[in-house]
């Protein structure tokens, strides 16, 4: 991680529920699992699980932490806010189309 280009692969998709992306590192894999749920009363709840595994995972831990450790929370909040804004716009369009 860091210094070069990393190719990310979408590994799994459950529309409107779950997304798993991963990146192959030398003798290791970095995986992000994102969960999306509707929040009671409106809005969204996002969950994120980050995994680093493989025979050389320990060698990548410091770089992964430096690259993502401090920015994950802010990034997830930005994703949540975009999902909520898109949902609100879609709901407003539906109300406009009906009315």
Protein backbone atom coordinates (compact mmCIF):
# COMPACT_ATOMS: atom_id res chain seq x y z
CA UNK A 1 0.00 0.00 0.00
CA UNK A 2 1.17 3.47 -0.70
CA UNK A 3 3.51 4.70 -3.38
CA UNK A 4 1.96 2.78 -6.25
CA UNK A 5 -1.28 1.87 -7.89
CA UNK A 6 -3.45 -0.72 -6.20
CA UNK A 7 -5.99 -2.65 -8.23
CA UNK A 8 -9.25 -3.13 -6.35
CA UNK A 9 -11.64 -5.93 -7.25
CA UNK A 10 -15.34 -6.09 -6.46
CA UNK A 11 -15.60 -9.55 -4.93
CA UNK A 12 -19.25 -9.70 -3.86
CA UNK A 13 -22.37 -7.58 -4.27
CA UNK A 14 -25.79 -7.85 -2.66
CA UNK A 15 -27.66 -4.84 -4.09
CA UNK A 16 -28.67 -2.31 -1.43
CA UNK A 17 -27.27 -4.59 1.34
CA UNK A 18 -23.60 -5.48 1.01
CA UNK A 19 -20.43 -4.82 -0.99
CA UNK A 20 -17.07 -6.58 -0.66
CA UNK A 21 -13.96 -5.21 -2.36
CA UNK A 22 -10.44 -6.49 -2.12
CA UNK A 23 -6.90 -5.74 -3.16
CA UNK A 24 -4.15 -8.27 -3.69
CA UNK A 25 -0.90 -7.34 -1.99
CA UNK A 26 2.34 -9.32 -2.18
CA UNK A 27 1.41 -12.56 -0.36
CA UNK A 28 -1.58 -10.93 1.36
CA UNK A 29 -5.12 -9.69 0.70
CA UNK A 30 -6.79 -6.53 1.97
CA UNK A 31 -10.57 -6.83 2.09
CA UNK A 32 -13.31 -4.31 2.88
CA UNK A 33 -16.82 -5.53 3.59
CA UNK A 34 -19.45 -2.78 3.61
CA UNK A 35 -22.98 -3.35 4.95
CA UNK A 36 -25.91 -1.02 4.29
CA UNK A 37 -29.12 -0.97 6.34
CA UNK A 38 -32.08 1.35 6.56
CA UNK A 39 -32.22 3.23 9.83
CA UNK A 40 -35.52 3.41 11.71
CA UNK A 41 -36.92 6.88 11.18
CA UNK A 42 -34.92 7.43 7.98
CA UNK A 43 -31.30 7.48 7.01
CA UNK A 44 -28.79 4.70 6.72
CA UNK A 45 -26.57 2.60 8.96
CA UNK A 46 -23.28 1.56 7.41
CA UNK A 47 -20.99 -1.08 8.82
CA UNK A 48 -17.49 -1.79 7.67
CA UNK A 49 -15.21 -4.72 8.34
CA UNK A 50 -11.59 -4.53 7.23
CA UNK A 51 -9.53 -7.69 6.96
CA UNK A 52 -5.85 -8.17 6.16
CA UNK A 53 -4.81 -11.77 5.77
CA UNK A 54 -2.31 -14.05 4.10
CA UNK A 55 1.21 -15.29 4.82
CA UNK A 56 2.73 -11.79 4.53
CA UNK A 57 -0.12 -9.80 6.16
CA UNK A 58 2.00 -8.65 9.11
CA UNK A 59 4.44 -6.95 6.75
CA UNK A 60 1.60 -4.82 5.31
CA UNK A 61 -0.13 -3.90 8.55
CA UNK A 62 1.74 -0.65 9.17
CA UNK A 63 1.17 0.58 5.60
CA UNK A 64 -2.51 -0.31 5.66
CA UNK A 65 -2.96 1.44 8.99
CA UNK A 66 -1.11 4.52 7.74
CA UNK A 67 -3.16 4.59 4.55
CA UNK A 68 -6.60 3.92 6.00
CA UNK A 69 -6.52 4.00 9.80
CA UNK A 70 -7.33 7.65 10.36
CA UNK A 71 -9.56 8.18 7.33
CA UNK A 72 -12.00 5.25 7.52
CA UNK A 73 -14.53 6.93 9.80
CA UNK A 74 -14.68 10.13 7.76
CA UNK A 75 -14.91 8.13 4.53
CA UNK A 76 -17.78 6.02 5.83
CA UNK A 77 -19.63 9.14 6.99
CA UNK A 78 -19.22 10.63 3.51
CA UNK A 79 -20.57 7.45 1.89
CA UNK A 80 -23.53 7.38 4.31
CA UNK A 81 -24.32 11.03 3.59
CA UNK A 82 -24.29 10.42 -0.17
CA UNK A 83 -26.57 7.40 0.17
CA UNK A 84 -29.00 9.37 2.31
CA UNK A 85 -28.97 12.31 -0.13
CA UNK A 86 -29.60 10.00 -3.10
CA UNK A 87 -32.45 8.28 -1.26
CA UNK A 88 -34.03 11.63 -0.35
CA UNK A 89 -33.77 12.82 -3.96
CA UNK A 90 -35.34 9.58 -5.22
CA UNK A 91 -38.19 9.87 -2.71
CA UNK A 92 -38.78 13.49 -3.68
CA UNK A 93 -38.89 12.49 -7.36
CA UNK A 94 -41.42 9.73 -6.59
CA UNK A 95 -43.62 12.21 -4.72
CA UNK A 96 -43.36 14.61 -7.66
CA UNK A 97 -44.23 11.89 -10.18
CA UNK A 98 -47.27 10.80 -8.12
CA UNK A 99 -48.52 14.29 -7.32
